Amino acid sequence: MFVLEEKIWFWLLLVIPVIILLFLIFKFWQNRTRKKFADPDLLKFLAPNRSRSKPLIKLVLILLALASLVVALVNPKMGTKMETVKREGVDIVFAIDVSKSMDAEDIAPNRLEKSKQLVSQILTSLGSDRVGIIAYAGGAYPQLPITTDFSAAKMFLQALNTDMISSQGTAISEAIELATTYYDDDQQTNRVLFIISDGEDHEGNVEDIAEQAAEKGIRIFTIGVGTEKGGPIPIKRNGVVQTYKKDREGETVVTKLNPSTLQEIADATNGSYIEGNVTSEVVETVTEELQNIEKTEFEAKQFADYKSHFQWFLGLGLALLFLDIFLLERSTAWLKSLNLFNENKKKGAKTHENI
């Protein structure tokens, strides 16, 4: 398994298109200046050993060397063996509302993006826990089964959007029912479900489902995202707001946070309702709640004994730079024989034309 330790260095790769652009500008200026100086045939006579391919080859060498050095800075590592370790933690499932009402922008940048920010920050604060993700709107659908891979969880989290489920509504009860299938240990007592939603347009029977979840040892914590004042639901095209959702009478629909429903669900399972407007406060509250929950020991397989492989890319980069130093821009016999740019053919054609 590969791990990239310092991904921030990948930003240096943006230098490559800049170098290519500067090279093209320089070649354009160089060719125009040469044409002003002398006729092309005369230039070939004055500089018979000038190579057309060498500058391009040197550019490619420099760019490959730069890319190799950047990868060396990123420091790729490879896990050399798999081992089973015992960990203690809580099994946590995040059920995230992706209905259209979550596009409302009464909380910046919008309700869904705020929900994703909250879950991402919670994941960052977790220790040796296991997490799973559910997306729901008019129905509930599994996105990520219980796992210790927080990187994968964040990747699936960022992929959530309000267009992924065609049936609209807020089927919280289906999300709760689906979450009960995520916990596979009958003796497990640390089952936690976080529901992140605006609580609007739920399909009823939620309290009964929540009580059934409580009987299975699941504690539900709800996080309300949005404001009670509410806001319209934007309809966008290519990221630009075209209009706002309207009802049958043509009036703009205003969606509002419904904390009472979320509070009732949490109370039914001895959980709690958390207001989700301030990220730091949510993470702090969640951390405190999880610390008070009994941890269960479980086995998890993970790669261990990671070894750095930056030296291979560093060596390749230095070798390419070393080669570039000794590669002169004048033509050489063996490279000229390759005829990379059909120079011999063009030369022959001109000779025939002169005859």
Protein backbone atom coordinates (compact mmCIF):
# COMPACT_ATOMS: atom_id res chain seq x y z
CA MET A 1 0.00 0.00 0.00
CA PHE A 2 1.34 3.43 -0.97
CA VAL A 3 1.25 6.49 1.27
CA LEU A 4 2.19 9.99 0.11
CA GLU A 5 3.58 11.75 3.17
CA GLU A 6 3.84 15.40 2.04
CA LYS A 7 1.22 15.92 -0.68
CA ILE A 8 1.51 19.71 -0.46
CA TRP A 9 4.69 19.55 -2.58
CA PHE A 10 2.59 18.48 -5.58
CA TRP A 11 1.75 22.18 -6.01
CA LEU A 12 5.28 22.62 -7.38
CA LEU A 13 4.18 20.70 -10.48
CA LEU A 14 2.33 23.87 -11.53
CA VAL A 15 5.75 25.21 -12.50
CA ILE A 16 5.89 22.74 -15.41
CA PRO A 17 3.23 24.41 -17.63
CA VAL A 18 4.82 27.79 -16.84
CA ILE A 19 8.22 26.53 -18.04
CA ILE A 20 6.63 25.10 -21.21
CA LEU A 21 4.90 28.42 -21.91
CA LEU A 22 8.14 30.39 -21.40
CA PHE A 23 9.97 27.95 -23.70
CA LEU A 24 7.39 28.43 -26.45
CA ILE A 25 7.55 32.22 -26.09
CA PHE A 26 11.36 32.11 -26.23
CA LYS A 27 11.36 29.90 -29.36
CA PHE A 28 8.88 32.21 -31.08
CA TRP A 29 11.05 35.24 -30.28
CA GLN A 30 14.20 33.37 -31.31
CA ASN A 31 12.79 32.31 -34.68
CA ARG A 32 11.47 35.78 -35.44
CA THR A 33 14.81 37.38 -34.55
CA ARG A 34 16.74 34.93 -36.72
CA LYS A 35 14.50 35.65 -39.68
CA LYS A 36 15.25 39.36 -39.27
CA PHE A 37 18.97 38.63 -39.05
CA ALA A 38 19.42 36.41 -42.09
CA ASP A 39 17.80 34.09 -44.61
CA PRO A 40 17.14 30.54 -43.25
CA ASP A 41 19.47 28.99 -45.85
CA LEU A 42 22.21 31.42 -44.88
CA LEU A 43 21.72 30.61 -41.19
CA LYS A 44 22.21 26.91 -41.94
CA PHE A 45 25.44 27.80 -43.70
CA LEU A 46 26.63 29.98 -40.80
CA ALA A 47 25.62 27.43 -38.13
CA PRO A 48 25.66 23.99 -39.76
CA ASN A 49 25.79 22.13 -36.45
CA ARG A 50 22.77 23.85 -34.91
CA SER A 51 20.26 21.21 -33.79
CA ARG A 52 16.52 21.66 -33.81
CA SER A 53 15.86 18.68 -31.57
CA LYS A 54 18.42 19.25 -28.79
CA PRO A 55 16.60 22.21 -27.11
CA LEU A 56 13.39 20.18 -26.97
CA ILE A 57 15.20 17.13 -25.57
CA LYS A 58 16.88 19.31 -22.92
CA LEU A 59 13.49 20.78 -21.99
CA VAL A 60 11.99 17.30 -21.58
CA LEU A 61 14.94 16.24 -19.41
CA ILE A 62 14.53 19.27 -17.16
CA LEU A 63 10.78 18.75 -16.78
CA LEU A 64 11.22 15.04 -15.98
CA ALA A 65 13.93 15.91 -13.48
CA LEU A 66 11.67 18.51 -11.84
CA ALA A 67 8.77 16.03 -11.63
CA SER A 68 11.07 13.40 -10.10
CA LEU A 69 12.39 15.84 -7.48
CA VAL A 70 8.84 16.86 -6.58
CA VAL A 71 7.85 13.22 -6.06
CA ALA A 72 10.95 12.81 -3.89
CA LEU A 73 9.79 15.75 -1.74
CA VAL A 74 6.35 14.14 -1.42
CA ASN A 75 8.16 11.09 0.00
CA PRO A 76 6.15 8.07 -1.23
CA LYS A 77 6.12 5.21 1.25
CA MET A 78 5.13 1.59 0.81
CA GLY A 79 3.80 -0.73 3.49
CA THR A 80 5.90 -3.87 3.40
CA LYS A 81 3.71 -6.14 5.49
CA MET A 82 0.18 -6.51 6.81
CA GLU A 83 -0.34 -7.04 10.49
CA THR A 84 -3.35 -7.44 12.76
CA VAL A 85 -3.54 -5.05 15.68
CA LYS A 86 -5.98 -4.75 18.54
CA ARG A 87 -7.64 -1.39 18.94
CA GLU A 88 -10.25 0.11 21.22
CA GLY A 89 -12.82 2.47 19.89
CA VAL A 90 -16.40 3.24 18.98
CA ASP A 91 -18.25 2.20 15.84
CA ILE A 92 -19.68 5.41 14.39
CA VAL A 93 -22.04 5.74 11.44
CA PHE A 94 -22.70 9.14 9.87
CA ALA A 95 -26.09 9.45 8.16
CA ILE A 96 -25.98 12.60 6.04
CA ASP A 97 -29.05 14.28 4.57
CA VAL A 98 -28.55 14.96 0.83
CA SER A 99 -32.06 16.15 0.00
CA LYS A 100 -32.51 19.32 -2.07
CA SER A 101 -33.28 21.39 1.03
CA MET A 102 -29.62 20.91 1.97
CA ASP A 103 -28.71 23.24 -0.92
CA ALA A 104 -30.16 26.16 1.04
CA GLU A 105 -27.56 28.83 1.75
CA ASP A 106 -28.92 30.14 5.05
CA ILE A 107 -25.67 28.83 6.51
CA ALA A 108 -22.45 29.30 4.53
CA PRO A 109 -21.55 27.97 2.07
CA ASN A 110 -24.71 25.83 2.13
CA ARG A 111 -26.19 23.19 4.42
CA LEU A 112 -24.66 20.17 2.70
CA GLU A 113 -21.17 21.66 2.44
CA LYS A 114 -21.40 22.67 6.08
CA SER A 115 -22.42 19.10 6.97
CA LYS A 116 -19.41 17.73 5.09
CA GLN A 117 -17.13 20.18 6.89
CA LEU A 118 -18.51 19.08 10.25
CA VAL A 119 -18.07 15.37 9.54
CA SER A 120 -14.58 15.93 8.12
CA GLN A 121 -13.50 17.78 11.27
CA ILE A 122 -15.04 15.09 13.47
CA LEU A 123 -13.12 12.42 11.54
CA THR A 124 -9.91 14.37 12.11
CA SER A 125 -10.54 14.45 15.86
CA LEU A 126 -11.28 10.71 16.17
CA GLY A 127 -8.79 8.21 17.52
CA SER A 128 -8.89 4.45 16.98
CA ASP A 129 -12.58 4.34 16.08
CA ARG A 130 -14.33 2.82 13.07
CA VAL A 131 -16.62 4.84 10.84
CA GLY A 132 -19.25 4.31 8.17
CA ILE A 133 -21.26 6.69 5.96
CA ILE A 134 -24.88 6.65 4.80
CA ALA A 135 -26.51 9.15 2.41
CA TYR A 136 -30.26 9.62 2.48
CA ALA A 137 -33.01 11.74 0.97
CA GLY A 138 -36.23 10.03 -0.17
CA GLY A 139 -34.39 6.77 0.53
CA ALA A 140 -31.24 5.71 2.34
CA TYR A 141 -28.20 4.25 0.61
CA PRO A 142 -24.90 2.92 2.02
CA GLN A 143 -21.81 4.86 0.93
CA LEU A 144 -19.03 3.38 3.06
CA PRO A 145 -19.18 0.31 5.35
CA ILE A 146 -17.55 0.33 8.78
CA THR A 147 -13.83 0.93 8.33
CA THR A 148 -10.74 2.30 10.05
CA ASP A 149 -9.63 4.04 6.86
CA PHE A 150 -10.40 7.69 7.57
CA SER A 151 -8.82 8.78 4.27
CA ALA A 152 -11.36 6.69 2.35
CA ALA A 153 -14.13 8.08 4.55
CA LYS A 154 -13.15 11.66 3.68
CA MET A 155 -12.99 10.76 -0.01
CA PHE A 156 -16.53 9.31 0.01
CA LEU A 157 -17.69 12.25 2.10
CA GLN A 158 -16.54 14.80 -0.46
CA ALA A 159 -18.38 12.93 -3.23
CA LEU A 160 -21.79 13.51 -1.60
CA ASN A 161 -24.16 15.86 -3.42
CA THR A 162 -27.88 16.59 -3.62
CA ASP A 163 -28.21 15.05 -7.11
CA MET A 164 -27.05 11.57 -6.12
CA ILE A 165 -30.50 10.40 -4.95
CA SER A 166 -33.38 11.06 -7.33
CA SER A 167 -36.22 10.42 -4.85
CA GLN A 168 -36.69 13.48 -2.69
CA GLY A 169 -37.84 13.78 0.91
CA THR A 170 -36.05 13.15 4.21
CA ALA A 171 -36.35 9.47 5.04
CA ILE A 172 -34.63 9.59 8.42
CA SER A 173 -36.36 6.38 9.48
CA GLU A 174 -34.81 4.49 6.52
CA ALA A 175 -31.39 5.90 7.41
CA ILE A 176 -31.75 4.64 10.99
CA GLU A 177 -32.90 1.19 9.78
CA LEU A 178 -29.96 0.97 7.38
CA ALA A 179 -27.53 2.02 10.10
CA THR A 180 -28.57 -0.95 12.26
CA THR A 181 -27.12 -3.27 9.61
CA TYR A 182 -23.67 -1.65 9.90
CA TYR A 183 -23.00 -3.15 13.33
CA ASP A 184 -22.18 -6.85 13.02
CA ASP A 185 -21.17 -7.81 16.57
CA ASP A 186 -24.09 -8.98 18.72
CA GLN A 187 -22.10 -8.30 21.90
CA GLN A 188 -21.09 -4.82 20.83
CA THR A 189 -22.33 -2.02 23.10
CA ASN A 190 -20.65 1.06 21.59
CA ARG A 191 -22.94 1.69 18.63
CA VAL A 192 -23.24 5.36 17.72
CA LEU A 193 -25.19 7.00 14.91
CA PHE A 194 -24.83 10.66 13.96
CA ILE A 195 -27.67 12.07 11.88
CA ILE A 196 -26.74 15.33 10.14
CA SER A 197 -29.82 17.02 8.72
CA ASP A 198 -32.06 20.07 8.71
CA GLY A 199 -34.83 17.82 10.07
CA GLU A 200 -37.35 19.02 7.50
CA ASP A 201 -39.91 16.96 5.57
CA HIS A 202 -39.34 13.74 7.48
CA GLU A 203 -41.71 10.90 6.59
CA GLY A 204 -43.05 10.15 10.06
CA ASN A 205 -42.70 7.12 12.35
CA VAL A 206 -39.21 8.36 13.20
CA GLU A 207 -39.60 8.09 16.97
CA ASP A 208 -40.70 4.43 16.76
CA ILE A 209 -37.71 3.56 14.56
CA ALA A 210 -35.42 5.41 16.95
CA GLU A 211 -36.78 3.44 19.90
CA GLN A 212 -36.14 0.19 18.03
CA ALA A 213 -32.58 1.35 17.41
CA ALA A 214 -32.19 2.08 21.11
CA GLU A 215 -33.27 -1.50 21.88
CA LYS A 216 -30.35 -2.66 19.73
CA GLY A 217 -27.94 -0.55 21.76
CA ILE A 218 -27.59 2.29 19.26
CA ARG A 219 -27.25 5.82 20.59
CA ILE A 220 -28.29 8.50 18.14
CA PHE A 221 -26.84 11.99 18.16
CA THR A 222 -28.44 14.48 15.82
CA ILE A 223 -26.74 17.55 14.38
CA GLY A 224 -29.01 20.28 13.04
CA VAL A 225 -27.65 22.23 10.07
CA GLY A 226 -29.41 25.40 8.99
CA THR A 227 -31.35 28.20 10.65
CA GLU A 228 -34.91 28.40 11.91
CA LYS A 229 -35.32 31.56 9.85
CA GLY A 230 -34.57 29.42 6.81
CA GLY A 231 -33.78 30.26 3.23
CA PRO A 232 -34.78 29.50 -0.37
CA ILE A 233 -33.52 26.46 -2.28
CA PRO A 234 -31.38 27.60 -5.21
CA ILE A 235 -31.55 25.87 -8.58
CA LYS A 236 -28.14 26.12 -10.21
CA ARG A 237 -26.64 25.47 -13.61
CA ASN A 238 -22.87 25.21 -13.88
CA GLY A 239 -22.59 26.59 -10.38
CA VAL A 240 -24.64 29.71 -11.15
CA VAL A 241 -28.04 30.31 -9.50
CA GLN A 242 -30.74 30.37 -12.19
CA THR A 243 -33.80 30.58 -9.96
CA TYR A 244 -35.23 29.27 -6.68
CA LYS A 245 -37.51 26.32 -6.04
CA LYS A 246 -41.21 27.26 -6.07
CA ASP A 247 -44.38 25.57 -4.88
CA ARG A 248 -47.50 24.83 -6.93
CA GLU A 249 -48.76 28.37 -6.36
CA GLY A 250 -45.57 29.83 -7.76
CA GLU A 251 -44.30 31.02 -4.37
CA THR A 252 -40.65 30.61 -3.47
CA VAL A 253 -40.17 27.71 -1.08
CA VAL A 254 -38.44 28.62 2.18
CA THR A 255 -36.84 25.67 3.97
CA LYS A 256 -36.28 25.95 7.72
CA LEU A 257 -34.34 23.98 10.30
CA ASN A 258 -36.66 21.73 12.33
CA PRO A 259 -34.73 21.07 15.58
CA SER A 260 -37.73 19.56 17.41
CA THR A 261 -37.75 16.43 15.23
CA LEU A 262 -34.03 15.96 15.63
CA GLN A 263 -34.32 16.48 19.39
CA GLU A 264 -37.05 13.82 19.68
CA ILE A 265 -34.93 11.28 17.78
CA ALA A 266 -31.93 11.88 20.03
CA ASP A 267 -34.02 11.72 23.22
CA ALA A 268 -35.50 8.37 22.20
CA THR A 269 -32.03 6.75 22.24
CA ASN A 270 -30.46 8.56 25.20
CA GLY A 271 -28.47 10.70 22.77
CA SER A 272 -28.44 14.45 22.37
CA TYR A 273 -29.16 17.15 19.83
CA ILE A 274 -26.24 19.35 18.71
CA GLU A 275 -26.61 22.66 16.92
CA GLY A 276 -24.34 22.53 13.88
CA ASN A 277 -23.69 26.18 13.07
CA VAL A 278 -20.26 26.50 14.74
CA THR A 279 -17.84 23.78 13.65
CA SER A 280 -15.44 24.04 16.60
CA GLU A 281 -18.27 23.75 19.13
CA VAL A 282 -19.72 20.71 17.34
CA VAL A 283 -16.35 18.92 17.29
CA GLU A 284 -15.78 19.71 20.96
CA THR A 285 -19.23 18.45 21.95
CA VAL A 286 -18.88 15.27 19.88
CA THR A 287 -15.45 14.57 21.38
CA GLU A 288 -16.83 14.91 24.91
CA GLU A 289 -19.79 12.66 24.17
CA LEU A 290 -17.60 9.94 22.64
CA GLN A 291 -15.20 10.01 25.59
CA ASN A 292 -18.09 9.03 27.86
CA ILE A 293 -18.97 5.97 25.76
CA GLU A 294 -17.48 2.60 26.61
CA LYS A 295 -14.85 1.48 24.12
CA THR A 296 -14.86 -2.00 22.59
CA GLU A 297 -11.72 -3.89 21.62
CA PHE A 298 -11.59 -5.10 18.04
CA GLU A 299 -9.06 -6.42 15.59
CA ALA A 300 -8.05 -4.44 12.55
CA LYS A 301 -5.66 -5.30 9.74
CA GLN A 302 -3.36 -2.56 8.60
CA PHE A 303 -0.14 -2.08 6.72
CA ALA A 304 2.91 -1.60 8.89
CA ASP A 305 6.64 -1.01 8.55
CA TYR A 306 6.34 1.67 5.87
CA LYS A 307 9.57 2.36 3.99
CA SER A 308 10.40 5.59 2.17
CA HIS A 309 11.20 5.41 -1.54
CA PHE A 310 12.07 9.06 -2.14
CA GLN A 311 15.71 8.16 -2.86
CA TRP A 312 14.79 6.50 -6.18
CA PHE A 313 13.10 9.64 -7.45
CA LEU A 314 15.84 11.87 -6.07
CA GLY A 315 18.47 9.77 -7.85
CA LEU A 316 16.47 9.83 -11.10
CA GLY A 317 16.06 13.62 -10.89
CA LEU A 318 19.76 14.23 -10.27
CA ALA A 319 20.72 11.81 -13.06
CA LEU A 320 18.49 13.65 -15.54
CA LEU A 321 19.97 17.02 -14.51
CA PHE A 322 23.48 15.57 -14.84
CA LEU A 323 22.60 14.30 -18.33
CA ASP A 324 21.21 17.71 -19.27
CA ILE A 325 24.50 19.40 -18.32
CA PHE A 326 26.49 17.26 -20.73
CA LEU A 327 23.94 17.36 -23.53
CA LEU A 328 25.12 20.14 -25.87
CA GLU A 329 22.72 22.03 -28.12
CA ARG A 330 24.73 21.40 -31.31
CA SER A 331 23.80 18.36 -33.38
CA THR A 332 25.57 15.03 -32.95
CA ALA A 333 26.04 12.33 -35.55
CA TRP A 334 24.08 9.57 -33.80
CA LEU A 335 21.14 11.87 -32.96
CA LYS A 336 21.17 13.35 -36.43
CA SER A 337 20.89 9.85 -37.86
CA LEU A 338 17.62 9.35 -35.95
CA ASN A 339 16.11 12.19 -38.01
CA LEU A 340 13.53 13.00 -35.29
CA PHE A 341 12.19 16.04 -37.12
CA ASN A 342 12.56 14.80 -40.71
CA GLU A 343 15.44 17.22 -41.17
CA ASN A 344 17.24 14.99 -43.68
CA LYS A 345 14.09 14.62 -45.74
CA LYS A 346 13.50 18.37 -45.80
CA LYS A 347 17.14 19.01 -46.67
CA GLY A 348 16.95 16.51 -49.51
CA ALA A 349 13.78 18.07 -50.83
CA LYS A 350 15.37 21.51 -50.89
CA THR A 351 18.48 20.18 -52.64
CA HIS A 352 16.32 18.52 -55.30
CA GLU A 353 14.38 21.75 -55.69
CA ASN A 354 17.57 23.75 -56.22
CA ILE A 355 18.70 21.27 -58.90
